[in-house]
PDB file of all heavy atoms in Angstrom:
ATOM      1  N   VAL A   1      -2.848-101.998 -61.452  1.00  0.00           N
ATOM      2  CA  VAL A   1      -3.542-100.985 -62.231  1.00  0.00           C
ATOM      3  C   VAL A   1      -2.514-100.112 -62.961  1.00  0.00           C
ATOM      4  O   VAL A   1      -2.724 -99.734 -64.119  1.00  0.00           O
ATOM      5  CB  VAL A   1      -4.446-100.143 -61.334  1.00  0.00           C
ATOM      6  CG1 VAL A   1      -4.982 -98.903 -62.075  1.00  0.00           C
ATOM      7  CG2 VAL A   1      -5.595-101.003 -60.787  1.00  0.00           C
ATOM      8  N   LEU A   2      -1.407 -99.821 -62.298  1.00  0.00           N
ATOM      9  CA  LEU A   2      -0.370 -98.966 -62.904  1.00  0.00           C
ATOM     10  C   LEU A   2       0.560 -99.820 -63.773  1.00  0.00           C
ATOM     11  O   LEU A   2       0.693-101.015 -63.584  1.00  0.00           O
ATOM     12  CB  LEU A   2       0.440 -98.293 -61.787  1.00  0.00           C
ATOM     13  CG  LEU A   2      -0.321 -97.289 -60.898  1.00  0.00           C
ATOM     14  CD1 LEU A   2       0.587 -96.722 -59.828  1.00  0.00           C
ATOM     15  CD2 LEU A   2      -0.932 -96.167 -61.719  1.00  0.00           C
ATOM     16  N   SER A   3       1.262 -99.128 -64.664  1.00  0.00           N
ATOM     17  CA  SER A   3       2.113 -99.857 -65.621  1.00  0.00           C
ATOM     18  C   SER A   3       3.608 -99.561 -65.445  1.00  0.00           C
ATOM     19  O   SER A   3       4.430-100.110 -66.156  1.00  0.00           O
ATOM     20  CB  SER A   3       1.711 -99.491 -67.057  1.00  0.00           C
ATOM     21  OG  SER A   3       1.835 -98.077 -67.273  1.00  0.00           O
ATOM     22  N   ASN A   4       3.956 -98.690 -64.500  1.00  0.00           N
ATOM     23  CA  ASN A   4       5.365 -98.271 -64.394  1.00  0.00           C
ATOM     24  C   ASN A   4       6.040 -98.826 -63.131  1.00  0.00           C
ATOM     25  O   ASN A   4       6.946 -98.215 -62.572  1.00  0.00           O
ATOM     26  CB  ASN A   4       5.422 -96.740 -64.369  1.00  0.00           C
ATOM     27  CG  ASN A   4       4.621 -96.145 -63.244  1.00  0.00           C
ATOM     28  OD1 ASN A   4       3.741 -96.795 -62.686  1.00  0.00           O
ATOM     29  ND2 ASN A   4       4.905 -94.897 -62.897  1.00  0.00           N
ATOM     30  N   LEU A   5       5.591-100.000 -62.686  1.00  0.00           N
ATOM     31  CA  LEU A   5       6.123-100.560 -61.458  1.00  0.00           C
ATOM     32  C   LEU A   5       7.278-101.514 -61.748  1.00  0.00           C
ATOM     33  O   LEU A   5       7.388-102.088 -62.798  1.00  0.00           O
ATOM     34  CB  LEU A   5       5.017-101.303 -60.708  1.00  0.00           C
ATOM     35  CG  LEU A   5       3.755-100.477 -60.422  1.00  0.00           C
ATOM     36  CD1 LEU A   5       2.654-101.353 -59.843  1.00  0.00           C
ATOM     37  CD2 LEU A   5       4.087 -99.327 -59.469  1.00  0.00           C
ATOM     38  N   LYS A   6       8.135-101.697 -60.741  1.00  0.00           N
ATOM     39  CA  LYS A   6       9.322-102.540 -60.919  1.00  0.00           C
ATOM     40  C   LYS A   6       9.513-103.537 -59.785  1.00  0.00           C
ATOM     41  O   LYS A   6       9.820-104.690 -60.029  1.00  0.00           O
ATOM     42  CB  LYS A   6      10.575-101.690 -61.067  1.00  0.00           C
ATOM     43  CG  LYS A   6      10.565-100.781 -62.320  1.00  0.00           C
ATOM     44  CD  LYS A   6      11.838 -99.954 -62.396  1.00  0.00           C
ATOM     45  CE  LYS A   6      11.823 -99.064 -63.629  1.00  0.00           C
ATOM     46  NZ  LYS A   6      13.019 -98.189 -63.712  1.00  0.00           N
ATOM     47  N   THR A   7       9.401-103.117 -58.543  1.00  0.00           N
ATOM     48  CA  THR A   7       9.777-103.964 -57.417  1.00  0.00           C
ATOM     49  C   THR A   7       8.645-104.818 -56.872  1.00  0.00           C
ATOM     50  O   THR A   7       8.907-105.697 -56.041  1.00  0.00           O
ATOM     51  CB  THR A   7      10.345-103.110 -56.279  1.00  0.00           C
ATOM     52  OG1 THR A   7       9.289-102.329 -55.668  1.00  0.00           O
ATOM     53  CG2 THR A   7      11.450-102.200 -56.762  1.00  0.00           C
ATOM     54  N   ILE A   8       7.399-104.613 -57.302  1.00  0.00           N
ATOM     55  CA  ILE A   8       6.291-105.409 -56.749  1.00  0.00           C
ATOM     56  C   ILE A   8       5.620-106.282 -57.842  1.00  0.00           C
ATOM     57  O   ILE A   8       4.542-106.806 -57.601  1.00  0.00           O
ATOM     58  CB  ILE A   8       5.240-104.510 -56.065  1.00  0.00           C
ATOM     59  CG1 ILE A   8       4.663-103.468 -57.032  1.00  0.00           C
ATOM     60  CG2 ILE A   8       5.884-103.825 -54.840  1.00  0.00           C
ATOM     61  CD1 ILE A   8       3.520-102.635 -56.408  1.00  0.00           C
ATOM     62  N   ILE A   9       6.302-106.396 -58.971  1.00  0.00           N
ATOM     63  CA  ILE A   9       5.777-107.269 -60.037  1.00  0.00           C
ATOM     64  C   ILE A   9       6.853-108.277 -60.466  1.00  0.00           C
ATOM     65  O   ILE A   9       8.062-108.047 -60.258  1.00  0.00           O
ATOM     66  CB  ILE A   9       5.295-106.472 -61.261  1.00  0.00           C
ATOM     67  CG1 ILE A   9       6.450-105.651 -61.851  1.00  0.00           C
ATOM     68  CG2 ILE A   9       4.092-105.611 -60.915  1.00  0.00           C
ATOM     69  CD1 ILE A   9       6.146-104.986 -63.175  1.00  0.00           C
ATOM     70  N   ASP A  10       6.387-109.379 -61.083  1.00  0.00           N
ATOM     71  CA  ASP A  10       7.336-110.353 -61.594  1.00  0.00           C
ATOM     72  C   ASP A  10       7.620-110.073 -63.072  1.00  0.00           C
ATOM     73  O   ASP A  10       7.196-109.065 -63.631  1.00  0.00           O
ATOM     74  CB  ASP A  10       6.833-111.777 -61.381  1.00  0.00           C
ATOM     75  CG  ASP A  10       5.535-112.064 -62.131  1.00  0.00           C
ATOM     76  OD1 ASP A  10       5.215-111.334 -63.088  1.00  0.00           O
ATOM     77  OD2 ASP A  10       4.842-113.029 -61.760  1.00  0.00           O
ATOM     78  N   VAL A  11       8.361-110.979 -63.732  1.00  0.00           N
ATOM     79  CA  VAL A  11       8.793-110.746 -65.096  1.00  0.00           C
ATOM     80  C   VAL A  11       7.617-110.693 -66.082  1.00  0.00           C
ATOM     81  O   VAL A  11       7.725-110.081 -67.148  1.00  0.00           O
ATOM     82  CB  VAL A  11       9.799-111.837 -65.525  1.00  0.00           C
ATOM     83  CG1 VAL A  11       9.145-113.196 -65.632  1.00  0.00           C
ATOM     84  CG2 VAL A  11      10.513-111.472 -66.815  1.00  0.00           C
ATOM     85  N   ASP A  12       6.485-111.275 -65.709  1.00  0.00           N
ATOM     86  CA  ASP A  12       5.295-111.249 -66.571  1.00  0.00           C
ATOM     87  C   ASP A  12       4.371-110.088 -66.288  1.00  0.00           C
ATOM     88  O   ASP A  12       3.317-109.945 -66.906  1.00  0.00           O
ATOM     89  CB  ASP A  12       4.521-112.571 -66.400  1.00  0.00           C
ATOM     90  CG  ASP A  12       5.287-113.750 -66.919  1.00  0.00           C
ATOM     91  OD1 ASP A  12       5.888-113.646 -68.001  1.00  0.00           O
ATOM     92  OD2 ASP A  12       5.292-114.807 -66.238  1.00  0.00           O
ATOM     93  N   GLY A  13       4.767-109.211 -65.348  1.00  0.00           N
ATOM     94  CA  GLY A  13       3.960-108.046 -65.038  1.00  0.00           C
ATOM     95  C   GLY A  13       2.860-108.317 -64.033  1.00  0.00           C
ATOM     96  O   GLY A  13       1.990-107.449 -63.815  1.00  0.00           O
ATOM     97  N   ASN A  14       2.872-109.497 -63.393  1.00  0.00           N
ATOM     98  CA  ASN A  14       1.907-109.783 -62.346  1.00  0.00           C
ATOM     99  C   ASN A  14       2.441-109.413 -60.984  1.00  0.00           C
ATOM    100  O   ASN A  14       3.662-109.357 -60.765  1.00  0.00           O
ATOM    101  CB  ASN A  14       1.590-111.297 -62.367  1.00  0.00           C
ATOM    102  CG  ASN A  14       0.961-111.769 -63.663  1.00  0.00           C
ATOM    103  OD1 ASN A  14       0.013-111.175 -64.147  1.00  0.00           O
ATOM    104  ND2 ASN A  14       1.548-112.816 -64.247  1.00  0.00           N
ATOM    105  N   PHE A  15       1.525-109.175 -60.043  1.00  0.00           N
ATOM    106  CA  PHE A  15       1.954-109.004 -58.667  1.00  0.00           C
ATOM    107  C   PHE A  15       2.725-110.236 -58.198  1.00  0.00           C
ATOM    108  O   PHE A  15       2.413-111.371 -58.568  1.00  0.00           O
ATOM    109  CB  PHE A  15       0.773-108.798 -57.739  1.00  0.00           C
ATOM    110  CG  PHE A  15       0.197-107.395 -57.739  1.00  0.00           C
ATOM    111  CD1 PHE A  15      -1.170-107.218 -57.954  1.00  0.00           C
ATOM    112  CD2 PHE A  15       0.970-106.319 -57.532  1.00  0.00           C
ATOM    113  CE1 PHE A  15      -1.702-105.952 -57.943  1.00  0.00           C
ATOM    114  CE2 PHE A  15       0.448-105.033 -57.529  1.00  0.00           C
ATOM    115  CZ  PHE A  15      -0.905-104.849 -57.743  1.00  0.00           C
ATOM    116  N   ARG A  16       3.727-109.999 -57.381  1.00  0.00           N
ATOM    117  CA  ARG A  16       4.455-111.105 -56.790  1.00  0.00           C
ATOM    118  C   ARG A  16       3.589-111.856 -55.780  1.00  0.00           C
ATOM    119  O   ARG A  16       2.717-111.273 -55.152  1.00  0.00           O
ATOM    120  CB  ARG A  16       5.729-110.624 -56.106  1.00  0.00           C
ATOM    121  CG  ARG A  16       6.708-109.923 -57.069  1.00  0.00           C
ATOM    122  CD  ARG A  16       7.957-109.514 -56.322  1.00  0.00           C
ATOM    123  NE  ARG A  16       8.869-108.703 -57.143  1.00  0.00           N
ATOM    124  CZ  ARG A  16       9.757-109.208 -57.983  1.00  0.00           C
ATOM    125  NH1 ARG A  16       9.873-110.511 -58.132  1.00  0.00           N
ATOM    126  NH2 ARG A  16      10.559-108.404 -58.674  1.00  0.00           N
ATOM    127  N   ASN A  17       3.887-113.149 -55.588  1.00  0.00           N
ATOM    128  CA  ASN A  17       3.207-113.931 -54.589  1.00  0.00           C
ATOM    129  C   ASN A  17       3.422-113.357 -53.188  1.00  0.00           C
ATOM    130  O   ASN A  17       4.478-112.757 -52.904  1.00  0.00           O
ATOM    131  CB  ASN A  17       3.709-115.388 -54.632  1.00  0.00           C
ATOM    132  CG  ASN A  17       2.986-116.300 -53.702  1.00  0.00           C
ATOM    133  OD1 ASN A  17       3.274-116.359 -52.503  1.00  0.00           O
ATOM    134  ND2 ASN A  17       2.036-117.024 -54.252  1.00  0.00           N
ATOM    135  N   GLN A  18       2.460-113.543 -52.315  1.00  0.00           N
ATOM    136  CA  GLN A  18       2.549-112.947 -50.983  1.00  0.00           C
ATOM    137  C   GLN A  18       3.793-113.374 -50.217  1.00  0.00           C
ATOM    138  O   GLN A  18       4.263-112.596 -49.366  1.00  0.00           O
ATOM    139  CB  GLN A  18       1.291-113.287 -50.165  1.00  0.00           C
ATOM    140  CG  GLN A  18       1.018-114.767 -49.969  1.00  0.00           C
ATOM    141  CD  GLN A  18      -0.266-115.010 -49.249  1.00  0.00           C
ATOM    142  OE1 GLN A  18      -0.504-114.450 -48.179  1.00  0.00           O
ATOM    143  NE2 GLN A  18      -1.135-115.847 -49.806  1.00  0.00           N
ATOM    144  N   ALA A  19       4.335-114.553 -50.515  1.00  0.00           N
ATOM    145  CA  ALA A  19       5.553-114.990 -49.806  1.00  0.00           C
ATOM    146  C   ALA A  19       6.708-114.035 -50.041  1.00  0.00           C
ATOM    147  O   ALA A  19       7.606-113.889 -49.190  1.00  0.00           O
ATOM    148  CB  ALA A  19       5.904-116.402 -50.215  1.00  0.00           C
ATOM    149  N   TYR A  20       6.705-113.394 -51.205  1.00  0.00           N
ATOM    150  CA  TYR A  20       7.814-112.484 -51.563  1.00  0.00           C
ATOM    151  C   TYR A  20       7.938-111.367 -50.508  1.00  0.00           C
ATOM    152  O   TYR A  20       9.058-111.006 -50.122  1.00  0.00           O
ATOM    153  CB  TYR A  20       7.539-111.898 -52.946  1.00  0.00           C
ATOM    154  CG  TYR A  20       8.612-110.910 -53.409  1.00  0.00           C
ATOM    155  CD1 TYR A  20       9.739-111.363 -54.066  1.00  0.00           C
ATOM    156  CD2 TYR A  20       8.488-109.543 -53.184  1.00  0.00           C
ATOM    157  CE1 TYR A  20      10.729-110.486 -54.500  1.00  0.00           C
ATOM    158  CE2 TYR A  20       9.452-108.643 -53.603  1.00  0.00           C
ATOM    159  CZ  TYR A  20      10.567-109.101 -54.265  1.00  0.00           C
ATOM    160  OH  TYR A  20      11.523-108.230 -54.686  1.00  0.00           O
ATOM    161  N   TYR A  21       6.816-110.830 -50.107  1.00  0.00           N
ATOM    162  CA  TYR A  21       6.856-109.649 -49.231  1.00  0.00           C
ATOM    163  C   TYR A  21       7.219-110.004 -47.805  1.00  0.00           C
ATOM    164  O   TYR A  21       7.508-109.123 -46.983  1.00  0.00           O
ATOM    165  CB  TYR A  21       5.472-108.963 -49.253  1.00  0.00           C
ATOM    166  CG  TYR A  21       5.076-108.537 -50.641  1.00  0.00           C
ATOM    167  CD1 TYR A  21       4.208-109.324 -51.410  1.00  0.00           C
ATOM    168  CD2 TYR A  21       5.592-107.382 -51.222  1.00  0.00           C
ATOM    169  CE1 TYR A  21       3.879-108.937 -52.697  1.00  0.00           C
ATOM    170  CE2 TYR A  21       5.253-106.998 -52.483  1.00  0.00           C
ATOM    171  CZ  TYR A  21       4.401-107.783 -53.227  1.00  0.00           C
ATOM    172  OH  TYR A  21       4.042-107.398 -54.508  1.00  0.00           O
ATOM    173  N   LYS A  22       7.263-111.296 -47.486  1.00  0.00           N
ATOM    174  CA  LYS A  22       7.652-111.718 -46.166  1.00  0.00           C
ATOM    175  C   LYS A  22       9.123-112.075 -46.080  1.00  0.00           C
ATOM    176  O   LYS A  22       9.623-112.477 -45.016  1.00  0.00           O
ATOM    177  CB  LYS A  22       6.791-112.902 -45.725  1.00  0.00           C
ATOM    178  CG  LYS A  22       5.326-112.541 -45.640  1.00  0.00           C
ATOM    179  CD  LYS A  22       4.427-113.733 -45.285  1.00  0.00           C
ATOM    180  CE  LYS A  22       2.978-113.352 -45.256  1.00  0.00           C
ATOM    181  NZ  LYS A  22       2.092-114.491 -44.915  1.00  0.00           N
ATOM    182  N   GLY A  23       9.835-111.924 -47.207  1.00  0.00           N
ATOM    183  CA  GLY A  23      11.269-112.203 -47.249  1.00  0.00           C
ATOM    184  C   GLY A  23      12.065-110.924 -47.215  1.00  0.00           C
ATOM    185  O   GLY A  23      11.524-109.811 -47.071  1.00  0.00           O
ATOM    186  N   SER A  24      13.357-111.053 -47.329  1.00  0.00           N
ATOM    187  CA  SER A  24      14.258-109.883 -47.246  1.00  0.00           C
ATOM    188  C   SER A  24      14.580-109.386 -48.664  1.00  0.00           C
ATOM    189  O   SER A  24      15.686-109.568 -49.177  1.00  0.00           O
ATOM    190  CB  SER A  24      15.542-110.266 -46.506  1.00  0.00           C
ATOM    191  OG  SER A  24      16.158-111.384 -47.127  1.00  0.00           O
ATOM    192  N   PHE A  25      13.589-108.806 -49.317  1.00  0.00           N
ATOM    193  CA  PHE A  25      13.760-108.340 -50.674  1.00  0.00           C
ATOM    194  C   PHE A  25      13.640-106.791 -50.700  1.00  0.00           C
ATOM    195  O   PHE A  25      13.019-106.193 -49.823  1.00  0.00           O
ATOM    196  CB  PHE A  25      12.705-108.917 -51.599  1.00  0.00           C
ATOM    197  CG  PHE A  25      12.728-110.426 -51.668  1.00  0.00           C
ATOM    198  CD1 PHE A  25      11.905-111.191 -50.900  1.00  0.00           C
ATOM    199  CD2 PHE A  25      13.635-111.058 -52.502  1.00  0.00           C
ATOM    200  CE1 PHE A  25      11.957-112.586 -50.934  1.00  0.00           C
ATOM    201  CE2 PHE A  25      13.702-112.438 -52.559  1.00  0.00           C
ATOM    202  CZ  PHE A  25      12.861-113.201 -51.766  1.00  0.00           C
ATOM    203  N   ILE A  26      14.202-106.191 -51.723  1.00  0.00           N
ATOM    204  CA  ILE A  26      14.114-104.748 -51.841  1.00  0.00           C
ATOM    205  C   ILE A  26      12.774-104.394 -52.451  1.00  0.00           C
ATOM    206  O   ILE A  26      12.431-104.824 -53.572  1.00  0.00           O
ATOM    207  CB  ILE A  26      15.262-104.204 -52.714  1.00  0.00           C
ATOM    208  CG1 ILE A  26      16.606-104.486 -52.046  1.00  0.00           C
ATOM    209  CG2 ILE A  26      15.075-102.714 -52.992  1.00  0.00           C
ATOM    210  CD1 ILE A  26      17.815-104.114 -52.904  1.00  0.00           C
ATOM    211  N   ILE A  27      11.988-103.611 -51.736  1.00  0.00           N
ATOM    212  CA  ILE A  27      10.647-103.203 -52.194  1.00  0.00           C
ATOM    213  C   ILE A  27      10.577-101.687 -52.060  1.00  0.00           C
ATOM    214  O   ILE A  27      10.878-101.124 -50.986  1.00  0.00           O
ATOM    215  CB  ILE A  27       9.554-103.865 -51.326  1.00  0.00           C
ATOM    216  CG1 ILE A  27       9.622-105.377 -51.463  1.00  0.00           C
ATOM    217  CG2 ILE A  27       8.164-103.342 -51.724  1.00  0.00           C
ATOM    218  CD1 ILE A  27       8.808-106.112 -50.427  1.00  0.00           C
ATOM    219  N   ASP A  28      10.181-101.070 -53.130  1.00  0.00           N
ATOM    220  CA  ASP A  28       9.963 -99.622 -53.108  1.00  0.00           C
ATOM    221  C   ASP A  28       8.548 -99.363 -52.555  1.00  0.00           C
ATOM    222  O   ASP A  28       7.574 -99.588 -53.264  1.00  0.00           O
ATOM    223  CB  ASP A  28      10.104 -99.064 -54.523  1.00  0.00           C
ATOM    224  CG  ASP A  28      10.015 -97.537 -54.550  1.00  0.00           C
ATOM    225  OD1 ASP A  28       9.601 -96.937 -53.542  1.00  0.00           O
ATOM    226  OD2 ASP A  28      10.308 -96.966 -55.606  1.00  0.00           O
ATOM    227  N   GLU A  29       8.488 -98.914 -51.324  1.00  0.00           N
ATOM    228  CA  GLU A  29       7.174 -98.725 -50.684  1.00  0.00           C
ATOM    229  C   GLU A  29       6.374 -97.607 -51.355  1.00  0.00           C
ATOM    230  O   GLU A  29       5.150 -97.609 -51.260  1.00  0.00           O
ATOM    231  CB  GLU A  29       7.339 -98.467 -49.187  1.00  0.00           C
ATOM    232  CG  GLU A  29       7.871 -99.701 -48.457  1.00  0.00           C
ATOM    233  CD  GLU A  29       7.858 -99.552 -46.943  1.00  0.00           C
ATOM    234  OE1 GLU A  29       7.470 -98.477 -46.457  1.00  0.00           O
ATOM    235  OE2 GLU A  29       8.248-100.528 -46.267  1.00  0.00           O
ATOM    236  N   GLN A  30       7.052 -96.724 -52.066  1.00  0.00           N
ATOM    237  CA  GLN A  30       6.319 -95.688 -52.813  1.00  0.00           C
ATOM    238  C   GLN A  30       5.482 -96.352 -53.912  1.00  0.00           C
ATOM    239  O   GLN A  30       4.376 -95.891 -54.232  1.00  0.00           O
ATOM    240  CB  GLN A  30       7.310 -94.687 -53.437  1.00  0.00           C
ATOM    241  CG  GLN A  30       6.608 -93.529 -54.142  1.00  0.00           C
ATOM    242  CD  GLN A  30       5.811 -92.644 -53.223  1.00  0.00           C
ATOM    243  OE1 GLN A  30       6.276 -92.315 -52.121  1.00  0.00           O
ATOM    244  NE2 GLN A  30       4.596 -92.266 -53.657  1.00  0.00           N
ATOM    245  N   GLU A  31       5.996 -97.449 -54.472  1.00  0.00           N
ATOM    246  CA  GLU A  31       5.227 -98.180 -55.494  1.00  0.00           C
ATOM    247  C   GLU A  31       3.953 -98.746 -54.899  1.00  0.00           C
ATOM    248  O   GLU A  31       2.910 -98.734 -55.557  1.00  0.00           O
ATOM    249  CB  GLU A  31       6.070 -99.287 -56.095  1.00  0.00           C
ATOM    250  CG  GLU A  31       7.161 -98.796 -56.999  1.00  0.00           C
ATOM    251  CD  GLU A  31       7.782 -99.902 -57.837  1.00  0.00           C
ATOM    252  OE1 GLU A  31       7.478-101.071 -57.579  1.00  0.00           O
ATOM    253  OE2 GLU A  31       8.584 -99.583 -58.723  1.00  0.00           O
ATOM    254  N   ILE A  32       4.024 -99.225 -53.681  1.00  0.00           N
ATOM    255  CA  ILE A  32       2.852 -99.764 -53.034  1.00  0.00           C
ATOM    256  C   ILE A  32       1.817 -98.668 -52.801  1.00  0.00           C
ATOM    257  O   ILE A  32       0.629 -98.825 -53.090  1.00  0.00           O
ATOM    258  CB  ILE A  32       3.200-100.479 -51.694  1.00  0.00           C
ATOM    259  CG1 ILE A  32       4.106-101.655 -51.999  1.00  0.00           C
ATOM    260  CG2 ILE A  32       1.939-100.913 -50.963  1.00  0.00           C
ATOM    261  CD1 ILE A  32       4.674-102.310 -50.734  1.00  0.00           C
ATOM    262  N   TYR A  33       2.288 -97.555 -52.269  1.00  0.00           N
ATOM    263  CA  TYR A  33       1.382 -96.400 -52.063  1.00  0.00           C
ATOM    264  C   TYR A  33       0.740 -95.967 -53.368  1.00  0.00           C
ATOM    265  O   TYR A  33      -0.485 -95.787 -53.440  1.00  0.00           O
ATOM    266  CB  TYR A  33       2.187 -95.246 -51.441  1.00  0.00           C
ATOM    267  CG  TYR A  33       1.362 -93.972 -51.340  1.00  0.00           C
ATOM    268  CD1 TYR A  33       0.548 -93.723 -50.272  1.00  0.00           C
ATOM    269  CD2 TYR A  33       1.414 -93.002 -52.362  1.00  0.00           C
ATOM    270  CE1 TYR A  33      -0.206 -92.536 -50.176  1.00  0.00           C
ATOM    271  CE2 TYR A  33       0.671 -91.857 -52.299  1.00  0.00           C
ATOM    272  CZ  TYR A  33      -0.123 -91.627 -51.200  1.00  0.00           C
ATOM    273  OH  TYR A  33      -0.881 -90.459 -51.153  1.00  0.00           O
ATOM    274  N   ASP A  34       1.539 -95.822 -54.400  1.00  0.00           N
ATOM    275  CA  ASP A  34       1.015 -95.337 -55.694  1.00  0.00           C
ATOM    276  C   ASP A  34       0.016 -96.329 -56.279  1.00  0.00           C
ATOM    277  O   ASP A  34      -1.041 -95.903 -56.797  1.00  0.00           O
ATOM    278  CB  ASP A  34       2.169 -95.125 -56.679  1.00  0.00           C
ATOM    279  CG  ASP A  34       3.060 -93.963 -56.316  1.00  0.00           C
ATOM    280  OD1 ASP A  34       2.651 -93.120 -55.457  1.00  0.00           O
ATOM    281  OD2 ASP A  34       4.186 -93.888 -56.845  1.00  0.00           O
ATOM    282  N   GLU A  35       0.312 -97.632 -56.212  1.00  0.00           N
ATOM    283  CA  GLU A  35      -0.579 -98.644 -56.788  1.00  0.00           C
ATOM    284  C   GLU A  35      -1.866 -98.719 -56.009  1.00  0.00           C
ATOM    285  O   GLU A  35      -2.968 -98.751 -56.602  1.00  0.00           O
ATOM    286  CB  GLU A  35       0.122 -99.984 -56.819  1.00  0.00           C
ATOM    287  CG  GLU A  35      -0.777-101.155 -57.173  1.00  0.00           C
ATOM    288  CD  GLU A  35      -1.418-101.074 -58.558  1.00  0.00           C
ATOM    289  OE1 GLU A  35      -0.911-100.339 -59.422  1.00  0.00           O
ATOM    290  OE2 GLU A  35      -2.458-101.717 -58.787  1.00  0.00           O
ATOM    291  N   TRP A  36      -1.808 -98.721 -54.702  1.00  0.00           N
ATOM    292  CA  TRP A  36      -3.024 -98.792 -53.885  1.00  0.00           C
ATOM    293  C   TRP A  36      -3.862 -97.520 -54.093  1.00  0.00           C
ATOM    294  O   TRP A  36      -5.096 -97.601 -54.162  1.00  0.00           O
ATOM    295  CB  TRP A  36      -2.677 -99.000 -52.436  1.00  0.00           C
ATOM    296  CG  TRP A  36      -2.377-100.428 -52.082  1.00  0.00           C
ATOM    297  CD1 TRP A  36      -2.494-101.508 -52.923  1.00  0.00           C
ATOM    298  CD2 TRP A  36      -1.932-100.956 -50.830  1.00  0.00           C
ATOM    299  NE1 TRP A  36      -2.147-102.648 -52.243  1.00  0.00           N
ATOM    300  CE2 TRP A  36      -1.791-102.355 -50.976  1.00  0.00           C
ATOM    301  CE3 TRP A  36      -1.633-100.368 -49.602  1.00  0.00           C
ATOM    302  CZ2 TRP A  36      -1.380-103.176 -49.933  1.00  0.00           C
ATOM    303  CZ3 TRP A  36      -1.211-101.182 -48.550  1.00  0.00           C
ATOM    304  CH2 TRP A  36      -1.095-102.581 -48.712  1.00  0.00           C
ATOM    305  N   LYS A  37      -3.219 -96.394 -54.208  1.00  0.00           N
ATOM    306  CA  LYS A  37      -3.958 -95.175 -54.474  1.00  0.00           C
ATOM    307  C   LYS A  37      -4.649 -95.226 -55.826  1.00  0.00           C
ATOM    308  O   LYS A  37      -5.809 -94.800 -55.962  1.00  0.00           O
ATOM    309  CB  LYS A  37      -3.000 -93.968 -54.423  1.00  0.00           C
ATOM    310  CG  LYS A  37      -3.695 -92.593 -54.543  1.00  0.00           C
ATOM    311  CD  LYS A  37      -2.663 -91.476 -54.436  1.00  0.00           C
ATOM    312  CE  LYS A  37      -3.344 -90.123 -54.507  1.00  0.00           C
ATOM    313  NZ  LYS A  37      -4.113 -89.813 -53.282  1.00  0.00           N
TER     314      LYS A  37
END
């Protein structure tokens, strides 16, 4: 829904596949909070 995200989207602006979140990647959890809100 938001347009200012970086760590939870891919190069096309889509959410990353669920496998991404189960790996050792840098994720800004504030982005998750903001997007879910």
